[in-house]
Amino acid sequence: MQIETYIIAIGLLIGWIATAFFLIKASKKAYNRGLYNGLHAARQQKTNATTCTIEDHELLTKITTSLALAVETWQAFPGTEIMVAKVNKQRRQLTAFAAKMWLAAYPAPINAEDAA
């Protein structure tokens, strides 16, 4: 083999090693940055977790009222008993969910007078 071939082979080998080194370094940096951003976003989400607002509770209450109106309408038509039962169940579940969200967001304060 000629000297040019050795120089080319050594250059290619050095290039591959350098490429592998920089790819490993870049992937570690990207992984750490992604891990930091993911953990930071999770912390932000915990601290900025929005609770149930009054508007959210009113919306759920209005939806429950609309479902009640739908049930009353459907009860007038024969053959809608299955739908009426399903909507009644969903209305009860939605009412319970709205109450659960409200209590989670605004727990009732415990007074010494109430305990006595």
Protein backbone atom coordinates (compact mmCIF):
# COMPACT_ATOMS: atom_id res chain seq x y z
CA MET A 1 0.00 0.00 0.00
CA GLN A 2 1.05 3.48 -0.63
CA ILE A 3 1.49 6.20 1.93
CA GLU A 4 -1.54 8.10 0.61
CA THR A 5 -3.76 5.12 1.42
CA TYR A 6 -2.47 5.02 5.00
CA ILE A 7 -3.05 8.75 5.41
CA ILE A 8 -6.61 8.45 4.09
CA ALA A 9 -7.36 5.42 6.31
CA ILE A 10 -5.95 7.16 9.41
CA GLY A 11 -7.88 10.34 8.56
CA LEU A 12 -11.10 8.36 8.18
CA LEU A 13 -10.48 6.56 11.46
CA ILE A 14 -9.81 9.83 13.31
CA GLY A 15 -12.91 11.35 11.71
CA TRP A 16 -15.10 8.44 12.81
CA ILE A 17 -13.75 8.57 16.35
CA ALA A 18 -14.27 12.35 16.53
CA THR A 19 -17.79 11.99 15.14
CA ALA A 20 -18.64 9.28 17.67
CA PHE A 21 -17.17 11.37 20.51
CA PHE A 22 -19.15 14.48 19.56
CA LEU A 23 -22.35 12.51 18.96
CA ILE A 24 -22.07 10.92 22.40
CA LYS A 25 -21.33 14.31 23.96
CA ALA A 26 -24.28 15.94 22.13
CA SER A 27 -26.68 13.12 23.05
CA LYS A 28 -25.72 13.36 26.74
CA LYS A 29 -26.22 17.12 26.63
CA ALA A 30 -29.61 16.72 24.90
CA TYR A 31 -30.67 14.03 27.37
CA ASN A 32 -29.72 16.18 30.36
CA ARG A 33 -31.47 19.21 28.88
CA GLY A 34 -34.60 17.17 28.18
CA LEU A 35 -34.51 15.64 31.64
CA TYR A 36 -34.11 19.08 33.22
CA ASN A 37 -36.92 20.54 31.11
CA GLY A 38 -39.17 17.59 31.93
CA LEU A 39 -38.53 17.85 35.66
CA HIS A 40 -38.85 21.61 35.58
CA ALA A 41 -42.15 21.35 33.68
CA ALA A 42 -43.44 18.79 36.19
CA ARG A 43 -42.53 21.08 39.09
CA GLN A 44 -44.19 24.03 37.35
CA GLN A 45 -47.29 21.95 36.74
CA LYS A 46 -47.50 21.05 40.42
CA THR A 47 -47.08 24.64 41.57
CA ASN A 48 -49.33 26.11 38.90
CA ALA A 49 -52.01 23.45 39.17
CA THR A 50 -55.24 25.29 38.70
CA THR A 51 -58.06 24.21 40.90
CA CYS A 52 -61.73 24.34 40.23
CA THR A 53 -62.84 27.92 39.80
CA ILE A 54 -66.31 29.26 40.40
CA GLU A 55 -66.81 29.48 36.64
CA ASP A 56 -65.90 25.79 36.21
CA HIS A 57 -68.38 24.80 38.89
CA GLU A 58 -71.10 26.96 37.34
CA LEU A 59 -70.43 25.39 33.94
CA LEU A 60 -70.78 21.88 35.35
CA THR A 61 -73.96 22.92 37.16
CA LYS A 62 -75.42 24.39 33.95
CA ILE A 63 -74.58 21.20 32.04
CA THR A 64 -76.35 19.19 34.75
CA THR A 65 -79.39 21.45 34.40
CA SER A 66 -79.36 20.96 30.62
CA LEU A 67 -79.23 17.20 31.08
CA ALA A 68 -82.18 17.40 33.46
CA LEU A 69 -84.13 19.31 30.81
CA ALA A 70 -83.19 16.70 28.22
CA VAL A 71 -84.44 13.93 30.51
CA GLU A 72 -87.75 15.70 31.04
CA THR A 73 -88.11 16.14 27.29
CA TRP A 74 -87.27 12.53 26.46
CA GLN A 75 -89.62 11.13 29.08
CA ALA A 76 -92.53 12.43 26.99
CA PHE A 77 -91.56 10.20 24.06
CA PRO A 78 -92.14 6.45 24.13
CA GLY A 79 -89.15 4.17 23.54
CA THR A 80 -86.57 6.49 25.08
CA GLU A 81 -86.46 4.80 28.48
CA ILE A 82 -82.93 3.49 27.91
CA MET A 83 -81.65 6.94 26.97
CA VAL A 84 -83.46 8.53 29.91
CA ALA A 85 -81.85 6.06 32.32
CA LYS A 86 -78.42 6.62 30.79
CA VAL A 87 -78.69 10.42 30.94
CA ASN A 88 -80.03 10.29 34.51
CA LYS A 89 -77.02 8.24 35.53
CA GLN A 90 -74.64 10.63 33.76
CA ARG A 91 -76.37 13.60 35.38
CA ARG A 92 -75.94 12.10 38.84
CA GLN A 93 -72.29 11.32 38.12
CA LEU A 94 -71.68 14.84 36.81
CA THR A 95 -73.30 16.37 39.87
CA ALA A 96 -71.13 14.22 42.14
CA PHE A 97 -68.04 15.14 40.13
CA ALA A 98 -68.84 18.85 40.35
CA ALA A 99 -69.29 18.56 44.11
CA LYS A 100 -66.03 16.61 44.45
CA MET A 101 -64.13 19.21 42.43
CA TRP A 102 -65.64 22.03 44.48
CA LEU A 103 -64.76 20.37 47.78
CA ALA A 104 -61.22 19.65 46.58
CA ALA A 105 -60.73 23.27 45.55
CA TYR A 106 -62.53 24.89 48.48
CA PRO A 107 -62.53 22.61 51.52
CA ALA A 108 -64.87 23.60 54.28
CA PRO A 109 -63.05 25.32 57.15
CA ILE A 110 -63.30 23.58 60.50
CA ASN A 111 -64.41 25.93 63.25
CA ALA A 112 -64.17 25.21 66.95
CA GLU A 113 -67.81 26.21 67.26
CA ASP A 114 -68.89 23.61 64.69
CA ALA A 115 -67.03 20.84 66.48
CA ALA A 116 -68.77 21.56 69.78
